[in-house]
């Protein structure tokens, strides 16, 4: 991802991420979902935008992710979900973080039907990215979730 738009201007999402300093994001696949192509693209996109990315890989538990968030001093957690478990697994992640007294935003990416977006937001998910989200949308959603949690 380039730091300039097609008009030569600096991408505002990338500039804001750079101004904040390195934001540390944990990316993971929870449950038995084995589709990891999208999360690997997101990892590269965030790295190119200046984020520190820790990709935990496939088949992680919420406790694995909480432990990694504590050890890595994470600013955000990104969950990639493609197995229809988003209504169970994403809120479970938010609750596990609360139980550990961690105020870390959770961003969900993947196959999430439109009707499920607002209920997930109501359950504490900071942002939801669906297929086709641009690099700027990905960077902006993660950055905005981190900045909102810090304010």
N, C-alpha and C. Protein backbone atom coordinates (compact mmCIF):
# COMPACT_ATOMS: atom_id res chain seq x y z
N UNK A 1 0.85 -1.16 0.00
CA UNK A 1 0.00 0.00 0.00
C UNK A 1 0.90 1.22 0.00
N UNK A 2 0.59 2.16 -0.82
CA UNK A 2 1.37 3.38 -0.94
C UNK A 2 0.88 4.40 0.07
N UNK A 3 1.77 5.30 0.45
CA UNK A 3 1.35 6.36 1.36
C UNK A 3 0.68 7.51 0.63
N UNK A 4 0.66 7.46 -0.69
CA UNK A 4 0.03 8.51 -1.46
C UNK A 4 -1.19 7.98 -2.19
N UNK A 5 -2.18 8.85 -2.36
CA UNK A 5 -3.35 8.50 -3.14
C UNK A 5 -3.01 8.71 -4.60
N UNK A 6 -3.96 8.39 -5.48
CA UNK A 6 -3.72 8.55 -6.91
C UNK A 6 -3.50 10.01 -7.29
N UNK A 7 -3.91 10.95 -6.43
CA UNK A 7 -3.71 12.37 -6.71
C UNK A 7 -2.40 12.88 -6.11
N UNK A 8 -1.64 11.99 -5.46
CA UNK A 8 -0.36 12.38 -4.87
C UNK A 8 -0.46 12.86 -3.44
N UNK A 9 -1.67 12.92 -2.88
CA UNK A 9 -1.84 13.35 -1.51
C UNK A 9 -1.58 12.19 -0.56
N UNK A 10 -1.14 12.51 0.64
CA UNK A 10 -0.92 11.48 1.65
C UNK A 10 -2.26 10.92 2.10
N UNK A 11 -2.35 9.60 2.17
CA UNK A 11 -3.57 8.94 2.63
C UNK A 11 -3.81 9.33 4.09
N UNK A 12 -4.96 9.92 4.43
CA UNK A 12 -5.20 10.39 5.80
C UNK A 12 -5.17 9.27 6.83
N UNK A 13 -5.65 8.07 6.49
CA UNK A 13 -5.64 6.96 7.45
C UNK A 13 -4.22 6.55 7.78
N UNK A 14 -3.36 6.51 6.78
CA UNK A 14 -1.97 6.13 6.99
C UNK A 14 -1.24 7.22 7.76
N UNK A 15 -1.51 8.48 7.43
CA UNK A 15 -0.87 9.59 8.13
C UNK A 15 -1.25 9.59 9.61
N UNK A 16 -2.52 9.32 9.91
CA UNK A 16 -2.96 9.31 11.31
C UNK A 16 -2.31 8.16 12.07
N UNK A 17 -2.21 7.00 11.42
CA UNK A 17 -1.57 5.86 12.07
C UNK A 17 -0.10 6.17 12.36
N UNK A 18 0.56 6.81 11.42
CA UNK A 18 1.97 7.16 11.61
C UNK A 18 2.14 8.20 12.71
N UNK A 19 1.21 9.16 12.82
CA UNK A 19 1.31 10.21 13.83
C UNK A 19 1.13 9.65 15.24
N UNK A 20 0.30 8.64 15.40
CA UNK A 20 0.04 8.04 16.71
C UNK A 20 1.24 7.25 17.21
N UNK A 21 2.01 6.75 16.28
CA UNK A 21 3.11 5.84 16.62
C UNK A 21 2.68 4.44 16.29
N UNK A 22 3.56 3.49 16.48
CA UNK A 22 3.21 2.13 16.10
C UNK A 22 2.07 1.58 16.95
N UNK A 23 0.98 1.27 16.29
CA UNK A 23 -0.15 0.65 16.96
C UNK A 23 0.02 -0.86 16.83
N UNK A 24 -0.18 -1.56 17.92
CA UNK A 24 0.04 -3.01 17.94
C UNK A 24 -1.31 -3.73 17.87
N UNK A 25 -1.44 -4.58 16.84
CA UNK A 25 -2.69 -5.28 16.59
C UNK A 25 -2.45 -6.78 16.55
N UNK A 26 -3.30 -7.50 17.25
CA UNK A 26 -3.27 -8.96 17.18
C UNK A 26 -4.37 -9.39 16.22
N UNK A 27 -4.00 -10.22 15.26
CA UNK A 27 -4.97 -10.80 14.34
C UNK A 27 -5.05 -12.29 14.59
N UNK A 28 -6.25 -12.83 14.53
CA UNK A 28 -6.41 -14.26 14.79
C UNK A 28 -7.66 -14.80 14.12
N UNK A 29 -7.64 -16.10 13.92
CA UNK A 29 -8.80 -16.86 13.46
C UNK A 29 -9.26 -17.67 14.66
N UNK A 30 -10.51 -17.51 15.07
CA UNK A 30 -11.03 -18.27 16.20
C UNK A 30 -11.91 -19.41 15.71
N UNK A 31 -12.01 -20.42 16.52
CA UNK A 31 -12.83 -21.57 16.16
C UNK A 31 -12.13 -22.44 15.13
N UNK A 32 -12.93 -23.15 14.37
CA UNK A 32 -12.37 -24.13 13.42
C UNK A 32 -12.30 -23.61 12.00
N UNK A 33 -12.45 -22.33 11.81
CA UNK A 33 -12.39 -21.71 10.49
C UNK A 33 -10.97 -21.81 9.95
N UNK A 34 -10.82 -22.37 8.76
CA UNK A 34 -9.50 -22.53 8.17
C UNK A 34 -9.22 -21.61 7.00
N UNK A 35 -10.08 -20.62 6.78
CA UNK A 35 -9.90 -19.69 5.66
C UNK A 35 -9.06 -18.51 6.13
N UNK A 36 -7.79 -18.46 5.73
CA UNK A 36 -6.92 -17.42 6.26
C UNK A 36 -6.36 -16.47 5.20
N UNK A 37 -6.80 -16.57 3.99
CA UNK A 37 -6.28 -15.69 2.94
C UNK A 37 -6.57 -14.22 3.24
N UNK A 38 -7.82 -13.91 3.62
CA UNK A 38 -8.19 -12.53 3.90
C UNK A 38 -7.43 -11.93 5.06
N UNK A 39 -7.27 -12.67 6.15
CA UNK A 39 -6.58 -12.13 7.32
C UNK A 39 -5.10 -11.89 7.00
N UNK A 40 -4.53 -12.69 6.14
CA UNK A 40 -3.14 -12.46 5.75
C UNK A 40 -3.01 -11.19 4.91
N UNK A 41 -4.00 -10.90 4.10
CA UNK A 41 -4.00 -9.66 3.32
C UNK A 41 -4.16 -8.47 4.27
N UNK A 42 -5.04 -8.61 5.26
CA UNK A 42 -5.23 -7.54 6.25
C UNK A 42 -3.93 -7.32 7.03
N UNK A 43 -3.25 -8.39 7.40
CA UNK A 43 -1.98 -8.26 8.12
C UNK A 43 -0.98 -7.45 7.30
N UNK A 44 -0.85 -7.76 6.04
CA UNK A 44 0.07 -7.02 5.18
C UNK A 44 -0.36 -5.56 5.04
N UNK A 45 -1.65 -5.34 4.87
CA UNK A 45 -2.17 -3.98 4.73
C UNK A 45 -1.84 -3.14 5.97
N UNK A 46 -2.07 -3.71 7.14
CA UNK A 46 -1.80 -2.98 8.37
C UNK A 46 -0.30 -2.76 8.56
N UNK A 47 0.52 -3.76 8.24
CA UNK A 47 1.97 -3.58 8.35
C UNK A 47 2.44 -2.46 7.42
N UNK A 48 1.92 -2.46 6.18
CA UNK A 48 2.30 -1.43 5.23
C UNK A 48 1.91 -0.03 5.71
N UNK A 49 0.87 0.03 6.55
CA UNK A 49 0.41 1.31 7.08
C UNK A 49 1.12 1.70 8.37
N UNK A 50 2.08 0.89 8.81
CA UNK A 50 2.87 1.24 9.98
C UNK A 50 2.45 0.57 11.27
N UNK A 51 1.47 -0.31 11.23
CA UNK A 51 1.05 -1.03 12.43
C UNK A 51 2.04 -2.16 12.72
N UNK A 52 2.16 -2.49 14.00
CA UNK A 52 2.85 -3.72 14.38
C UNK A 52 1.77 -4.79 14.43
N UNK A 53 1.97 -5.88 13.68
CA UNK A 53 0.95 -6.92 13.58
C UNK A 53 1.49 -8.22 14.12
N UNK A 54 0.72 -8.83 15.00
CA UNK A 54 1.03 -10.16 15.52
C UNK A 54 -0.09 -11.07 15.03
N UNK A 55 0.22 -11.96 14.09
CA UNK A 55 -0.79 -12.87 13.56
C UNK A 55 -0.65 -14.20 14.30
N UNK A 56 -1.68 -14.57 15.04
CA UNK A 56 -1.62 -15.78 15.84
C UNK A 56 -1.93 -17.04 15.05
N UNK A 57 -2.56 -16.88 13.89
CA UNK A 57 -2.84 -18.05 13.07
C UNK A 57 -4.23 -18.61 13.28
N UNK A 58 -4.39 -19.84 12.82
CA UNK A 58 -5.69 -20.52 12.80
C UNK A 58 -6.02 -21.16 14.14
N UNK A 59 -7.31 -21.36 14.33
CA UNK A 59 -7.87 -22.17 15.43
C UNK A 59 -7.44 -21.72 16.82
N UNK A 60 -7.51 -20.42 17.04
CA UNK A 60 -7.17 -19.86 18.34
C UNK A 60 -8.40 -19.85 19.25
N UNK A 61 -8.17 -19.95 20.54
CA UNK A 61 -9.25 -19.81 21.51
C UNK A 61 -9.25 -18.37 22.02
N UNK A 62 -10.35 -17.99 22.65
CA UNK A 62 -10.39 -16.64 23.21
C UNK A 62 -9.30 -16.47 24.26
N UNK A 63 -9.03 -17.50 25.04
CA UNK A 63 -7.99 -17.39 26.06
C UNK A 63 -6.60 -17.24 25.43
N UNK A 64 -6.35 -17.93 24.32
CA UNK A 64 -5.08 -17.76 23.60
C UNK A 64 -4.90 -16.29 23.21
N UNK A 65 -5.97 -15.70 22.72
CA UNK A 65 -5.91 -14.32 22.23
C UNK A 65 -5.75 -13.35 23.40
N UNK A 66 -6.47 -13.56 24.49
CA UNK A 66 -6.33 -12.71 25.67
C UNK A 66 -4.90 -12.78 26.20
N UNK A 67 -4.35 -13.97 26.28
CA UNK A 67 -2.96 -14.12 26.76
C UNK A 67 -1.99 -13.38 25.86
N UNK A 68 -2.16 -13.52 24.56
CA UNK A 68 -1.28 -12.82 23.61
C UNK A 68 -1.45 -11.31 23.75
N UNK A 69 -2.68 -10.84 23.92
CA UNK A 69 -2.93 -9.40 24.07
C UNK A 69 -2.22 -8.85 25.29
N UNK A 70 -2.23 -9.62 26.38
CA UNK A 70 -1.55 -9.19 27.59
C UNK A 70 -0.03 -9.18 27.39
N UNK A 71 0.50 -10.23 26.83
CA UNK A 71 1.94 -10.34 26.61
C UNK A 71 2.47 -9.31 25.63
N UNK A 72 1.69 -9.03 24.61
CA UNK A 72 2.15 -8.14 23.54
C UNK A 72 1.73 -6.69 23.74
N UNK A 73 1.00 -6.39 24.81
CA UNK A 73 0.50 -5.04 25.06
C UNK A 73 -0.25 -4.52 23.84
N UNK A 74 -1.22 -5.29 23.39
CA UNK A 74 -1.96 -5.00 22.16
C UNK A 74 -2.85 -3.77 22.31
N UNK A 75 -2.96 -3.03 21.22
CA UNK A 75 -3.87 -1.89 21.15
C UNK A 75 -5.22 -2.28 20.60
N UNK A 76 -5.27 -3.37 19.83
CA UNK A 76 -6.53 -3.84 19.23
C UNK A 76 -6.39 -5.31 18.89
N UNK A 77 -7.55 -5.94 18.73
CA UNK A 77 -7.62 -7.32 18.29
C UNK A 77 -8.50 -7.37 17.07
N UNK A 78 -8.01 -8.05 16.04
CA UNK A 78 -8.79 -8.26 14.84
C UNK A 78 -9.12 -9.74 14.70
N UNK A 79 -10.41 -10.04 14.63
CA UNK A 79 -10.85 -11.42 14.44
C UNK A 79 -11.34 -11.59 13.02
N UNK A 80 -10.88 -12.62 12.37
CA UNK A 80 -11.34 -12.97 11.04
C UNK A 80 -12.28 -14.15 11.16
N UNK A 81 -13.53 -13.96 10.71
CA UNK A 81 -14.56 -14.98 10.86
C UNK A 81 -15.25 -15.25 9.52
N UNK A 82 -15.22 -16.50 9.11
CA UNK A 82 -15.88 -16.89 7.87
C UNK A 82 -16.74 -18.14 8.04
N UNK A 83 -17.01 -18.52 9.28
CA UNK A 83 -17.67 -19.80 9.50
C UNK A 83 -19.03 -19.67 10.18
N UNK A 84 -19.64 -18.51 10.10
CA UNK A 84 -20.96 -18.26 10.68
C UNK A 84 -20.95 -18.29 12.21
N UNK A 85 -19.78 -18.21 12.82
CA UNK A 85 -19.71 -18.20 14.27
C UNK A 85 -19.60 -16.81 14.86
N UNK A 86 -19.76 -15.79 14.04
CA UNK A 86 -19.52 -14.42 14.48
C UNK A 86 -20.43 -13.98 15.63
N UNK A 87 -21.67 -14.44 15.66
CA UNK A 87 -22.60 -14.01 16.71
C UNK A 87 -22.26 -14.63 18.08
N UNK A 88 -21.50 -15.70 18.07
CA UNK A 88 -21.08 -16.34 19.32
C UNK A 88 -19.65 -15.99 19.66
N UNK A 89 -18.75 -16.16 18.68
CA UNK A 89 -17.32 -16.02 18.95
C UNK A 89 -16.88 -14.58 19.20
N UNK A 90 -17.40 -13.63 18.45
CA UNK A 90 -16.98 -12.24 18.63
C UNK A 90 -17.41 -11.69 20.00
N UNK A 91 -18.68 -11.85 20.41
CA UNK A 91 -19.05 -11.38 21.76
C UNK A 91 -18.30 -12.14 22.87
N UNK A 92 -17.99 -13.41 22.64
CA UNK A 92 -17.22 -14.17 23.62
C UNK A 92 -15.83 -13.55 23.79
N UNK A 93 -15.24 -13.06 22.70
CA UNK A 93 -13.93 -12.42 22.76
C UNK A 93 -14.02 -11.13 23.58
N UNK A 94 -15.03 -10.33 23.33
CA UNK A 94 -15.23 -9.08 24.07
C UNK A 94 -15.38 -9.39 25.57
N UNK A 95 -16.16 -10.40 25.90
CA UNK A 95 -16.37 -10.75 27.31
C UNK A 95 -15.08 -11.26 27.95
N UNK A 96 -14.31 -12.06 27.22
CA UNK A 96 -13.04 -12.57 27.76
C UNK A 96 -12.08 -11.43 28.07
N UNK A 97 -12.06 -10.41 27.22
CA UNK A 97 -11.22 -9.24 27.48
C UNK A 97 -11.71 -8.49 28.72
N UNK A 98 -13.02 -8.32 28.84
CA UNK A 98 -13.58 -7.65 30.03
C UNK A 98 -13.25 -8.42 31.29
N UNK A 99 -13.37 -9.75 31.21
CA UNK A 99 -13.08 -10.59 32.38
C UNK A 99 -11.62 -10.46 32.80
N UNK A 100 -10.75 -10.17 31.84
CA UNK A 100 -9.32 -10.00 32.13
C UNK A 100 -8.97 -8.54 32.43
N UNK A 101 -9.99 -7.69 32.56
CA UNK A 101 -9.81 -6.25 32.82
C UNK A 101 -8.97 -5.57 31.75
N UNK A 102 -9.18 -5.96 30.51
CA UNK A 102 -8.49 -5.35 29.38
C UNK A 102 -9.48 -4.54 28.56
N UNK A 103 -9.12 -3.30 28.31
CA UNK A 103 -9.95 -2.42 27.49
C UNK A 103 -9.31 -2.35 26.10
N UNK A 104 -9.51 -3.39 25.33
CA UNK A 104 -8.91 -3.50 24.00
C UNK A 104 -10.05 -3.67 22.99
N UNK A 105 -10.13 -2.79 21.99
CA UNK A 105 -11.20 -2.92 21.01
C UNK A 105 -11.03 -4.16 20.13
N UNK A 106 -12.17 -4.73 19.75
CA UNK A 106 -12.21 -5.89 18.87
C UNK A 106 -12.84 -5.47 17.55
N UNK A 107 -12.11 -5.70 16.47
CA UNK A 107 -12.59 -5.44 15.13
C UNK A 107 -12.80 -6.79 14.45
N UNK A 108 -13.95 -6.96 13.84
CA UNK A 108 -14.29 -8.21 13.17
C UNK A 108 -14.27 -8.00 11.67
N UNK A 109 -13.67 -8.95 10.98
CA UNK A 109 -13.68 -8.94 9.53
C UNK A 109 -14.12 -10.29 9.02
N UNK A 110 -14.85 -10.28 7.92
CA UNK A 110 -15.26 -11.53 7.33
C UNK A 110 -16.69 -11.51 6.86
N UNK A 111 -17.27 -12.69 6.81
CA UNK A 111 -18.64 -12.86 6.33
C UNK A 111 -19.60 -12.57 7.48
N UNK A 112 -20.16 -11.38 7.46
CA UNK A 112 -21.13 -10.98 8.49
C UNK A 112 -22.35 -10.41 7.76
N UNK A 113 -23.48 -11.08 7.85
CA UNK A 113 -24.69 -10.56 7.20
C UNK A 113 -25.07 -9.19 7.73
N UNK A 114 -25.64 -8.37 6.88
CA UNK A 114 -26.04 -7.02 7.27
C UNK A 114 -26.91 -7.00 8.53
N UNK A 115 -27.81 -7.97 8.66
CA UNK A 115 -28.71 -8.01 9.82
C UNK A 115 -27.97 -8.28 11.13
N UNK A 116 -26.74 -8.79 11.06
CA UNK A 116 -25.98 -9.11 12.26
C UNK A 116 -25.03 -7.99 12.69
N UNK A 117 -24.85 -6.99 11.84
CA UNK A 117 -23.87 -5.94 12.14
C UNK A 117 -24.25 -5.14 13.38
N UNK A 118 -25.45 -4.60 13.42
CA UNK A 118 -25.84 -3.78 14.58
C UNK A 118 -25.87 -4.59 15.88
N UNK A 119 -26.41 -5.81 15.88
CA UNK A 119 -26.36 -6.58 17.13
C UNK A 119 -24.93 -6.82 17.62
N UNK A 120 -23.98 -7.00 16.70
CA UNK A 120 -22.58 -7.18 17.12
C UNK A 120 -22.01 -5.88 17.69
N UNK A 121 -22.32 -4.78 17.05
CA UNK A 121 -21.87 -3.48 17.58
C UNK A 121 -22.47 -3.24 18.97
N UNK A 122 -23.73 -3.62 19.15
CA UNK A 122 -24.39 -3.47 20.45
C UNK A 122 -23.74 -4.35 21.52
N UNK A 123 -23.09 -5.44 21.11
CA UNK A 123 -22.43 -6.35 22.06
C UNK A 123 -20.98 -5.97 22.30
N UNK A 124 -20.55 -4.83 21.77
CA UNK A 124 -19.21 -4.33 22.09
C UNK A 124 -18.16 -4.46 21.01
N UNK A 125 -18.51 -4.96 19.84
CA UNK A 125 -17.54 -5.01 18.74
C UNK A 125 -17.31 -3.57 18.27
N UNK A 126 -16.06 -3.19 18.11
CA UNK A 126 -15.72 -1.80 17.77
C UNK A 126 -16.01 -1.46 16.31
N UNK A 127 -15.78 -2.42 15.42
CA UNK A 127 -16.01 -2.19 13.99
C UNK A 127 -16.13 -3.52 13.29
N UNK A 128 -16.82 -3.49 12.15
CA UNK A 128 -17.00 -4.71 11.36
C UNK A 128 -16.66 -4.38 9.92
N UNK A 129 -15.78 -5.21 9.36
CA UNK A 129 -15.37 -5.07 7.97
C UNK A 129 -15.86 -6.28 7.19
N UNK A 130 -16.58 -6.03 6.14
CA UNK A 130 -17.12 -7.12 5.33
C UNK A 130 -16.29 -7.28 4.06
N UNK A 131 -16.49 -8.37 3.33
CA UNK A 131 -15.71 -8.58 2.11
C UNK A 131 -15.80 -7.37 1.17
N UNK A 132 -14.68 -7.05 0.58
CA UNK A 132 -14.62 -5.91 -0.32
C UNK A 132 -14.17 -4.63 0.34
N UNK A 133 -13.95 -4.65 1.65
CA UNK A 133 -13.47 -3.44 2.33
C UNK A 133 -12.11 -3.05 1.74
N UNK A 134 -11.94 -1.78 1.49
CA UNK A 134 -10.68 -1.30 0.90
C UNK A 134 -9.59 -1.26 1.96
N UNK A 135 -8.37 -1.13 1.51
CA UNK A 135 -7.24 -0.99 2.43
C UNK A 135 -7.43 0.22 3.33
N UNK A 136 -7.91 1.31 2.77
CA UNK A 136 -8.15 2.51 3.57
C UNK A 136 -9.21 2.26 4.63
N UNK A 137 -10.26 1.51 4.29
CA UNK A 137 -11.31 1.20 5.26
C UNK A 137 -10.76 0.33 6.40
N UNK A 138 -9.91 -0.64 6.04
CA UNK A 138 -9.32 -1.51 7.05
C UNK A 138 -8.45 -0.70 8.01
N UNK A 139 -7.54 0.07 7.46
CA UNK A 139 -6.64 0.88 8.28
C UNK A 139 -7.45 1.87 9.12
N UNK A 140 -8.41 2.52 8.50
CA UNK A 140 -9.22 3.51 9.20
C UNK A 140 -10.03 2.90 10.34
N UNK A 141 -10.63 1.74 10.10
CA UNK A 141 -11.44 1.10 11.14
C UNK A 141 -10.60 0.69 12.33
N UNK A 142 -9.44 0.12 12.09
CA UNK A 142 -8.58 -0.31 13.19
C UNK A 142 -8.03 0.91 13.93
N UNK A 143 -7.54 1.88 13.18
CA UNK A 143 -7.03 3.11 13.80
C UNK A 143 -8.09 3.80 14.63
N UNK A 144 -9.30 3.95 14.07
CA UNK A 144 -10.37 4.65 14.78
C UNK A 144 -10.78 3.89 16.04
N UNK A 145 -10.78 2.55 15.98
CA UNK A 145 -11.13 1.76 17.16
C UNK A 145 -10.10 1.97 18.27
N UNK A 146 -8.85 2.02 17.90
CA UNK A 146 -7.78 2.23 18.89
C UNK A 146 -7.88 3.64 19.49
N UNK A 147 -8.04 4.63 18.64
CA UNK A 147 -8.11 6.00 19.13
C UNK A 147 -9.34 6.23 20.00
N UNK A 148 -10.46 5.60 19.65
CA UNK A 148 -11.67 5.73 20.47
C UNK A 148 -11.49 5.07 21.83
N UNK A 149 -10.78 3.95 21.86
CA UNK A 149 -10.56 3.26 23.14
C UNK A 149 -9.61 4.05 24.03
N UNK A 150 -8.72 4.82 23.42
CA UNK A 150 -7.74 5.61 24.18
C UNK A 150 -8.31 6.93 24.68
N UNK A 151 -9.46 7.31 24.14
CA UNK A 151 -10.00 8.63 24.54
C UNK A 151 -10.92 8.54 25.73
